[in-house]
Amino acid sequence: MKLIEVDAVQVLVLSILVLYLGTFINDRVRPLREHFIPAPVTGGLICSGLVAILYATADIEISFDMRVRDVLLLVFFSTIGLSANLKTLAAGGKALAKLVVLAAVFLVVQDATGVGIAMLLGEHPGYGLMGGSVSLAGGHGTAIAWGAEADAAGLKGASEMGIAFATFGLIAGGLIGGPIAGKLIERYRLEGPDAQPEDGPEEPTHDARTRSDSLRPVLDAILVLAICVQAGYAINRFLFAEGVVLPGFLTSMLVGIVLTNFADLFRLRVPVHVLDRAGDLSLNLFLSMSLMSMQLWALGDAARFITVALLVQVLVMTLFGMWVVFRVMGRDYDAAVITAGFAGMGLGATPVALANMSAVTSQHGPSPKAYLVVPLVGAFFIDLLNASTIKFFVRVINNWLL
């Protein structure tokens, strides 16, 4: 076996090329656009496929230096924390509180389902978490982050499995959300406002100075992100010394939450627009690096588990949406639209949730309530709730195995 090592700088350059490739293909393949498959997923899977072909046919293994990727993960989750402004969350009211509770309950159900399927099929229960909220509600970023933790703990191929679930979950979430809402609207004879084009939530307005060519907003953003990453790392090391093990991205995200609300309390301006772009860039490069370095050959033995678990999780999501989310959220038209969004968010990501809701509202009329609460849950709460749920199940599994 010949080993080719790709250093950190080469990995960065290659990840940018992979991102360009994914964007080029997505722009030209309609199903990829319609199901909101991220460009780095498309390009990364093609690259990892080529790597797998070299491994299988030429006896060549390519090793990637992922130090830059690890920093990008911390930057991305820092931007998530920095977007969690408490005043914005308060605007959601009771509907937001209900949906947060439903999301917390569903994450437990999703992980319990994944672990149960894994045990029934004779797999390690840790793989069940990868087929649960780690990859489905968490998406590619969370799947890769926790997959690395699982790989380090001895679960071979956990990262690759998580990426597979996250990718197919995006597709499944986009496929079932609209039909679920349509079925509810038909069954309960719900009526929305007159159908009209739905633009979705308005783009947030930003201070003109933030959009200017000045370097000040960029420098402010870099400083804040550096504080989040460094302070998160220091807190993580302290907790580790005290016997509390948390992934590094979680502490960086918590620091971001504290900083943004501290700034709001003292009326300090946070460069939201620049931070949004930094988050998008770090996530896309992070995904490109992770997917292009995937060892696809490690998925062969897990194909049966992945297929069964995904089918069951889709069924669980459908039943939970129709019988729990719809009823708790009011059994009205808004509740049906929220259910469609919840399905996309629970199996895929917030953009899929918005796409599902748009598909419904374009035919039956707008739902401002749905467009307020679903993005808030997807942007602010789902990652925090998911991290807590995963940690709980990891602790239960470890105690059970011991």
Protein backbone atom coordinates (compact mmCIF):
# COMPACT_ATOMS: atom_id res chain seq x y z
CA MET A 1 0.00 0.00 0.00
CA LYS A 2 1.45 3.35 -1.09
CA LEU A 3 0.69 6.27 1.23
CA ILE A 4 0.37 9.84 -0.11
CA GLU A 5 0.25 12.56 2.54
CA VAL A 6 -1.45 15.89 1.82
CA ASP A 7 -0.32 18.70 4.15
CA ALA A 8 -2.52 21.37 5.74
CA VAL A 9 -1.95 24.08 3.11
CA GLN A 10 -2.60 21.64 0.26
CA VAL A 11 -5.77 20.48 2.01
CA LEU A 12 -7.00 24.10 2.18
CA VAL A 13 -6.33 24.68 -1.53
CA LEU A 14 -7.91 21.36 -2.50
CA SER A 15 -10.99 22.05 -0.35
CA ILE A 16 -11.57 25.34 -2.21
CA LEU A 17 -11.33 23.52 -5.55
CA VAL A 18 -13.75 20.87 -4.28
CA LEU A 19 -16.17 23.63 -3.26
CA TYR A 20 -15.94 25.16 -6.74
CA LEU A 21 -16.60 21.73 -8.26
CA GLY A 22 -19.68 21.15 -6.10
CA THR A 23 -21.05 24.60 -6.93
CA PHE A 24 -20.48 24.04 -10.65
CA ILE A 25 -22.33 20.68 -10.60
CA ASN A 26 -25.20 21.86 -8.38
CA ASP A 27 -25.82 24.82 -10.69
CA ARG A 28 -26.34 22.39 -13.56
CA VAL A 29 -28.11 19.43 -11.94
CA ARG A 30 -31.67 20.37 -10.99
CA PRO A 31 -32.42 17.58 -8.44
CA LEU A 32 -29.39 18.60 -6.40
CA ARG A 33 -30.66 22.18 -6.22
CA GLU A 34 -34.25 21.18 -5.48
CA HIS A 35 -33.22 18.96 -2.55
CA PHE A 36 -30.80 21.58 -1.20
CA ILE A 37 -27.76 19.31 -1.29
CA PRO A 38 -24.86 21.56 -0.18
CA ALA A 39 -22.17 22.23 -2.78
CA PRO A 40 -19.37 20.90 -0.52
CA VAL A 41 -21.31 17.64 -0.13
CA THR A 42 -21.53 17.21 -3.91
CA GLY A 43 -17.89 18.07 -4.56
CA GLY A 44 -16.62 16.27 -1.48
CA LEU A 45 -18.38 13.01 -2.32
CA ILE A 46 -16.95 13.09 -5.84
CA CYS A 47 -13.45 13.65 -4.45
CA SER A 48 -13.81 10.92 -1.82
CA GLY A 49 -15.12 8.60 -4.52
CA LEU A 50 -11.95 9.16 -6.54
CA VAL A 51 -9.89 8.54 -3.41
CA ALA A 52 -11.78 5.28 -2.85
CA ILE A 53 -11.16 4.21 -6.46
CA LEU A 54 -7.43 4.79 -6.02
CA TYR A 55 -7.54 2.78 -2.80
CA ALA A 56 -9.39 -0.14 -4.41
CA THR A 57 -7.71 -0.29 -7.81
CA ALA A 58 -4.23 1.19 -7.45
CA ASP A 59 -3.48 0.26 -3.83
CA ILE A 60 -2.94 3.94 -2.98
CA GLU A 61 -4.12 5.53 0.26
CA ILE A 62 -4.29 9.31 0.56
CA SER A 63 -3.88 10.84 4.03
CA PHE A 64 -5.11 14.40 4.70
CA ASP A 65 -3.79 16.75 7.40
CA MET A 66 -6.95 18.10 9.04
CA ARG A 67 -5.58 20.72 11.44
CA VAL A 68 -7.15 23.60 9.49
CA ARG A 69 -10.49 21.79 9.45
CA ASP A 70 -10.53 21.55 13.24
CA VAL A 71 -10.12 25.33 13.56
CA LEU A 72 -12.87 25.95 11.00
CA LEU A 73 -15.26 23.84 13.09
CA LEU A 74 -14.64 26.03 16.14
CA VAL A 75 -15.15 29.18 14.06
CA PHE A 76 -18.44 27.93 12.65
CA PHE A 77 -19.98 27.02 16.00
CA SER A 78 -18.73 30.32 17.44
CA THR A 79 -20.78 32.16 14.80
CA ILE A 80 -23.83 30.10 15.82
CA GLY A 81 -23.38 31.18 19.42
CA LEU A 82 -22.87 34.80 18.41
CA SER A 83 -26.22 34.79 16.60
CA ALA A 84 -28.19 33.76 19.71
CA ASN A 85 -29.56 37.15 20.76
CA LEU A 86 -32.08 36.80 23.60
CA LYS A 87 -34.20 39.76 22.43
CA THR A 88 -34.73 38.10 19.06
CA LEU A 89 -35.70 34.84 20.73
CA ALA A 90 -38.26 36.58 22.94
CA ALA A 91 -40.20 37.64 19.83
CA GLY A 92 -41.25 34.03 19.24
CA GLY A 93 -43.57 33.93 22.25
CA LYS A 94 -45.51 30.84 23.31
CA ALA A 95 -45.36 29.21 19.88
CA LEU A 96 -41.56 29.28 20.00
CA ALA A 97 -41.53 27.82 23.51
CA LYS A 98 -43.82 24.98 22.40
CA LEU A 99 -41.70 24.17 19.37
CA VAL A 100 -38.50 24.17 21.44
CA VAL A 101 -40.05 21.64 23.82
CA LEU A 102 -41.21 19.52 20.89
CA ALA A 103 -37.71 19.64 19.40
CA ALA A 104 -36.20 18.53 22.71
CA VAL A 105 -38.63 15.60 22.95
CA PHE A 106 -38.09 14.59 19.34
CA LEU A 107 -34.30 14.55 19.72
CA VAL A 108 -34.68 12.03 22.53
CA VAL A 109 -37.09 9.95 20.44
CA GLN A 110 -34.75 10.12 17.44
CA ASP A 111 -31.72 8.96 19.43
CA ALA A 112 -33.67 6.25 21.25
CA THR A 113 -34.85 4.98 17.85
CA GLY A 114 -31.33 4.93 16.44
CA VAL A 115 -29.86 3.17 19.47
CA GLY A 116 -32.72 0.67 19.51
CA ILE A 117 -32.25 -0.21 15.83
CA ALA A 118 -28.50 -0.60 16.32
CA MET A 119 -28.99 -3.01 19.21
CA LEU A 120 -31.63 -5.01 17.32
CA LEU A 121 -29.22 -5.41 14.39
CA GLY A 122 -26.33 -6.37 16.66
CA GLU A 123 -24.39 -3.12 16.17
CA HIS A 124 -22.68 -1.02 18.82
CA PRO A 125 -25.29 1.40 20.29
CA GLY A 126 -22.89 4.25 19.55
CA TYR A 127 -23.61 3.74 15.86
CA GLY A 128 -27.27 4.29 16.72
CA LEU A 129 -26.47 7.83 17.81
CA MET A 130 -24.79 8.43 14.45
CA GLY A 131 -28.06 7.26 12.87
CA GLY A 132 -30.02 9.53 15.21
CA SER A 133 -29.88 13.20 16.10
CA VAL A 134 -26.10 13.42 15.62
CA SER A 135 -26.47 13.26 11.84
CA LEU A 136 -30.14 13.83 11.09
CA ALA A 137 -31.15 16.78 13.26
CA GLY A 138 -27.52 17.84 13.61
CA GLY A 139 -26.55 17.80 9.94
CA HIS A 140 -23.13 17.35 8.40
CA GLY A 141 -21.23 19.64 10.75
CA THR A 142 -22.45 17.92 13.90
CA ALA A 143 -22.06 14.47 12.31
CA ILE A 144 -18.43 15.12 11.46
CA ALA A 145 -17.65 16.69 14.83
CA TRP A 146 -19.17 13.89 16.89
CA GLY A 147 -17.98 11.30 14.38
CA ALA A 148 -14.41 12.33 15.13
CA GLU A 149 -15.14 11.82 18.85
CA ALA A 150 -16.61 8.39 18.11
CA ASP A 151 -13.68 7.40 15.89
CA ALA A 152 -11.29 8.36 18.67
CA ALA A 153 -13.31 6.20 21.07
CA GLY A 154 -12.89 3.17 18.79
CA LEU A 155 -16.08 3.20 16.66
CA LYS A 156 -14.57 2.45 13.28
CA GLY A 157 -16.12 4.35 10.38
CA ALA A 158 -18.38 6.49 12.59
CA SER A 159 -17.55 9.71 10.71
CA GLU A 160 -18.31 8.17 7.33
CA MET A 161 -21.54 6.70 8.64
CA GLY A 162 -22.60 10.05 10.07
CA ILE A 163 -21.97 11.81 6.77
CA ALA A 164 -24.01 9.18 4.92
CA PHE A 165 -26.96 9.65 7.28
CA ALA A 166 -26.71 13.45 7.09
CA THR A 167 -26.69 13.39 3.28
CA PHE A 168 -29.62 11.02 2.87
CA GLY A 169 -31.45 12.81 5.70
CA LEU A 170 -31.33 16.07 3.72
CA ILE A 171 -33.02 14.33 0.81
CA ALA A 172 -35.60 12.56 2.98
CA GLY A 173 -36.45 15.74 4.90
CA GLY A 174 -37.08 17.57 1.66
CA LEU A 175 -39.26 14.78 0.28
CA ILE A 176 -41.66 14.20 3.20
CA GLY A 177 -42.28 17.71 4.58
CA GLY A 178 -44.61 18.97 1.84
CA PRO A 179 -46.67 15.76 1.56
CA ILE A 180 -47.16 15.67 5.36
CA ALA A 181 -48.53 19.22 5.38
CA GLY A 182 -50.66 18.50 2.31
CA LYS A 183 -52.17 15.45 3.97
CA LEU A 184 -52.97 17.42 7.13
CA ILE A 185 -54.55 20.27 5.17
CA GLU A 186 -56.70 17.81 3.22
CA ARG A 187 -57.69 15.64 6.20
CA TYR A 188 -58.69 18.53 8.47
CA ARG A 189 -59.94 20.78 5.64
CA LEU A 190 -57.67 23.59 6.67
CA GLU A 191 -57.68 26.90 4.86
CA GLY A 192 -54.86 29.38 4.63
CA PRO A 193 -54.87 32.89 3.16
CA ASP A 194 -55.27 33.20 -0.58
CA ALA A 195 -52.29 31.62 -2.32
CA GLN A 196 -49.59 34.06 -3.25
CA PRO A 197 -45.82 33.94 -3.71
CA GLU A 198 -44.09 33.46 -0.37
CA ASP A 199 -40.83 35.25 -0.02
CA GLY A 200 -40.05 33.78 3.38
CA PRO A 201 -38.44 35.77 6.14
CA GLU A 202 -37.07 39.13 5.16
CA GLU A 203 -33.37 39.57 5.05
CA PRO A 204 -32.22 41.22 8.27
CA THR A 205 -31.17 44.81 7.90
CA HIS A 206 -27.70 45.76 8.96
CA ASP A 207 -26.02 48.99 9.86
CA ALA A 208 -24.73 50.68 6.70
CA ARG A 209 -21.33 50.90 8.27
CA THR A 210 -21.26 47.10 8.60
CA ARG A 211 -21.74 46.79 4.82
CA SER A 212 -19.13 49.35 3.95
CA ASP A 213 -15.69 48.70 2.60
CA SER A 214 -14.11 49.61 5.93
CA LEU A 215 -11.86 47.03 7.53
CA ARG A 216 -13.28 47.78 10.98
CA PRO A 217 -16.22 45.31 10.84
CA VAL A 218 -13.91 42.57 9.52
CA LEU A 219 -11.35 43.21 12.25
CA ASP A 220 -14.13 43.23 14.87
CA ALA A 221 -15.42 39.90 13.59
CA ILE A 222 -11.96 38.31 13.56
CA LEU A 223 -11.33 39.52 17.12
CA VAL A 224 -14.64 38.22 18.43
CA LEU A 225 -14.19 34.84 16.72
CA ALA A 226 -10.63 34.56 18.03
CA ILE A 227 -11.88 35.23 21.56
CA CYS A 228 -14.59 32.57 21.17
CA VAL A 229 -12.14 29.96 19.87
CA GLN A 230 -9.41 30.67 22.42
CA ALA A 231 -11.71 31.12 25.42
CA GLY A 232 -13.69 28.03 24.41
CA TYR A 233 -10.47 26.04 24.21
CA ALA A 234 -9.32 27.27 27.63
CA ILE A 235 -12.67 26.42 29.22
CA ASN A 236 -12.67 23.02 27.54
CA ARG A 237 -9.19 22.23 28.90
CA PHE A 238 -10.24 23.34 32.39
CA LEU A 239 -13.38 21.18 32.33
CA PHE A 240 -11.37 18.22 31.02
CA ALA A 241 -8.97 18.56 33.96
CA GLU A 242 -12.01 18.48 36.25
CA GLY A 243 -13.29 15.30 34.62
CA VAL A 244 -15.95 16.93 32.42
CA VAL A 245 -15.47 15.93 28.78
CA LEU A 246 -17.12 18.17 26.18
CA PRO A 247 -16.37 18.62 22.47
CA GLY A 248 -14.40 21.79 21.78
CA PHE A 249 -17.01 23.28 19.47
CA LEU A 250 -19.63 23.27 22.23
CA THR A 251 -17.64 25.47 24.61
CA SER A 252 -16.77 27.88 21.79
CA MET A 253 -20.48 28.15 20.96
CA LEU A 254 -21.36 28.85 24.60
CA VAL A 255 -18.72 31.61 24.77
CA GLY A 256 -20.30 33.13 21.66
CA ILE A 257 -23.74 33.15 23.31
CA VAL A 258 -22.36 34.94 26.37
CA LEU A 259 -20.45 37.50 24.29
CA THR A 260 -23.31 38.47 21.97
CA ASN A 261 -25.75 39.00 24.83
CA PHE A 262 -23.13 40.87 26.87
CA ALA A 263 -22.60 43.16 23.87
CA ASP A 264 -26.35 43.68 23.51
CA LEU A 265 -26.67 44.53 27.22
CA PHE A 266 -24.07 47.28 26.90
CA ARG A 267 -25.27 48.35 23.41
CA LEU A 268 -22.07 47.30 21.69
CA ARG A 269 -22.33 46.69 17.96
CA VAL A 270 -21.63 43.14 16.75
CA PRO A 271 -20.80 42.88 12.99
CA VAL A 272 -23.64 40.45 12.22
CA HIS A 273 -23.27 40.58 8.45
CA VAL A 274 -19.56 39.78 8.54
CA LEU A 275 -20.07 37.02 11.10
CA ASP A 276 -22.76 35.44 8.91
CA ARG A 277 -20.35 35.35 5.97
CA ALA A 278 -17.58 33.96 8.17
CA GLY A 279 -19.92 31.22 9.37
CA ASP A 280 -20.95 30.30 5.83
CA LEU A 281 -17.35 30.21 4.62
CA SER A 282 -16.01 28.18 7.55
CA LEU A 283 -18.85 25.64 7.29
CA ASN A 284 -18.45 25.17 3.55
CA LEU A 285 -14.68 24.70 3.75
CA PHE A 286 -15.09 22.45 6.78
CA LEU A 287 -17.54 20.23 4.91
CA SER A 288 -15.36 20.18 1.79
CA MET A 289 -12.34 19.03 3.79
CA SER A 290 -14.32 16.43 5.71
CA LEU A 291 -16.13 14.87 2.79
CA MET A 292 -13.20 14.80 0.39
CA SER A 293 -11.18 12.86 3.00
CA MET A 294 -13.94 10.31 3.72
CA GLN A 295 -12.92 6.66 3.65
CA LEU A 296 -15.93 5.33 1.73
CA TRP A 297 -14.67 1.78 1.87
CA ALA A 298 -15.39 1.83 5.61
CA LEU A 299 -19.15 2.03 4.89
CA GLY A 300 -19.46 -1.34 3.18
CA ASP A 301 -20.22 -3.37 6.29
CA ALA A 302 -22.74 -0.81 7.58
CA ALA A 303 -24.98 -0.62 4.50
CA ARG A 304 -27.77 -2.72 6.03
CA PHE A 305 -27.85 -0.69 9.23
CA ILE A 306 -27.84 2.63 7.37
CA THR A 307 -30.75 1.58 5.14
CA VAL A 308 -32.92 0.17 7.94
CA ALA A 309 -32.20 3.02 10.35
CA LEU A 310 -32.94 5.73 7.79
CA LEU A 311 -36.26 4.16 6.77
CA VAL A 312 -37.38 3.82 10.39
CA GLN A 313 -36.29 7.37 11.23
CA VAL A 314 -38.34 8.73 8.32
CA LEU A 315 -41.38 6.83 9.62
CA VAL A 316 -40.82 8.13 13.17
CA MET A 317 -40.49 11.69 11.88
CA THR A 318 -43.72 11.37 9.88
CA LEU A 319 -45.72 10.02 12.82
CA PHE A 320 -44.26 12.51 15.30
CA GLY A 321 -45.00 15.40 12.96
CA MET A 322 -48.59 14.42 12.18
CA TRP A 323 -49.64 13.22 15.62
CA VAL A 324 -47.60 15.40 17.98
CA VAL A 325 -46.23 18.57 16.35
CA PHE A 326 -49.42 19.36 14.42
CA ARG A 327 -51.65 18.86 17.46
CA VAL A 328 -49.49 20.72 19.97
CA MET A 329 -49.00 23.68 17.63
CA GLY A 330 -52.77 24.22 17.30
CA ARG A 331 -54.23 21.88 14.63
CA ASP A 332 -54.65 24.81 12.22
CA TYR A 333 -53.09 25.92 8.95
CA ASP A 334 -50.07 27.46 10.67
CA ALA A 335 -49.54 24.19 12.54
CA ALA A 336 -49.54 22.25 9.26
CA VAL A 337 -46.89 24.57 7.77
CA ILE A 338 -44.82 24.34 10.95
CA THR A 339 -45.04 20.54 10.75
CA ALA A 340 -43.64 20.61 7.23
CA GLY A 341 -40.75 22.76 8.44
CA PHE A 342 -40.19 20.56 11.48
CA ALA A 343 -39.85 17.50 9.23
CA GLY A 344 -37.18 19.22 7.16
CA MET A 345 -35.34 20.43 10.24
CA GLY A 346 -35.54 17.09 12.07
CA LEU A 347 -34.13 15.08 9.18
CA GLY A 348 -32.07 17.63 7.31
CA ALA A 349 -31.37 21.28 8.06
CA THR A 350 -33.03 24.68 8.43
CA PRO A 351 -32.81 25.51 4.68
CA VAL A 352 -34.72 22.29 3.96
CA ALA A 353 -37.32 23.34 6.55
CA LEU A 354 -37.75 26.69 4.82
CA ALA A 355 -38.01 25.00 1.43
CA ASN A 356 -40.74 22.68 2.73
CA MET A 357 -42.72 25.59 4.14
CA SER A 358 -42.31 27.57 0.95
CA ALA A 359 -43.69 24.66 -1.08
CA VAL A 360 -46.83 24.65 1.08
CA THR A 361 -47.36 28.40 1.36
CA SER A 362 -46.88 28.98 -2.36
CA GLN A 363 -50.10 26.99 -2.90
CA HIS A 364 -52.16 27.76 0.20
CA GLY A 365 -51.00 31.20 1.31
CA PRO A 366 -48.45 32.67 3.71
CA SER A 367 -47.86 31.66 7.33
CA PRO A 368 -45.92 34.39 9.18
CA LYS A 369 -46.09 32.41 12.43
CA ALA A 370 -44.32 29.42 10.86
CA TYR A 371 -41.67 31.61 9.28
CA LEU A 372 -40.95 33.18 12.67
CA VAL A 373 -40.66 30.16 14.96
CA VAL A 374 -39.13 27.44 12.76
CA PRO A 375 -36.02 29.42 11.70
CA LEU A 376 -35.52 30.54 15.32
CA VAL A 377 -35.52 26.95 16.55
CA GLY A 378 -33.24 25.88 13.72
CA ALA A 379 -30.80 28.74 14.20
CA PHE A 380 -30.62 29.08 17.97
CA PHE A 381 -31.90 26.04 19.82
CA ILE A 382 -31.44 22.84 17.87
CA ASP A 383 -27.65 22.65 18.29
CA LEU A 384 -27.76 23.38 22.01
CA LEU A 385 -30.55 20.87 22.61
CA ASN A 386 -28.84 18.31 20.42
CA ALA A 387 -25.51 18.60 22.23
CA SER A 388 -27.21 18.01 25.58
CA THR A 389 -29.20 15.06 24.23
CA ILE A 390 -26.15 13.43 22.68
CA LYS A 391 -24.13 13.83 25.87
CA PHE A 392 -26.96 12.22 27.84
CA PHE A 393 -27.13 9.21 25.54
CA VAL A 394 -23.34 8.86 25.45
CA ARG A 395 -23.33 8.75 29.25
CA VAL A 396 -26.14 6.17 29.31
CA ILE A 397 -24.39 4.00 26.71
CA ASN A 398 -21.06 4.16 28.52
CA ASN A 399 -22.67 3.22 31.83
CA TRP A 400 -24.59 0.40 30.18
CA LEU A 401 -21.48 -1.02 28.50
CA LEU A 402 -19.54 -0.85 31.76
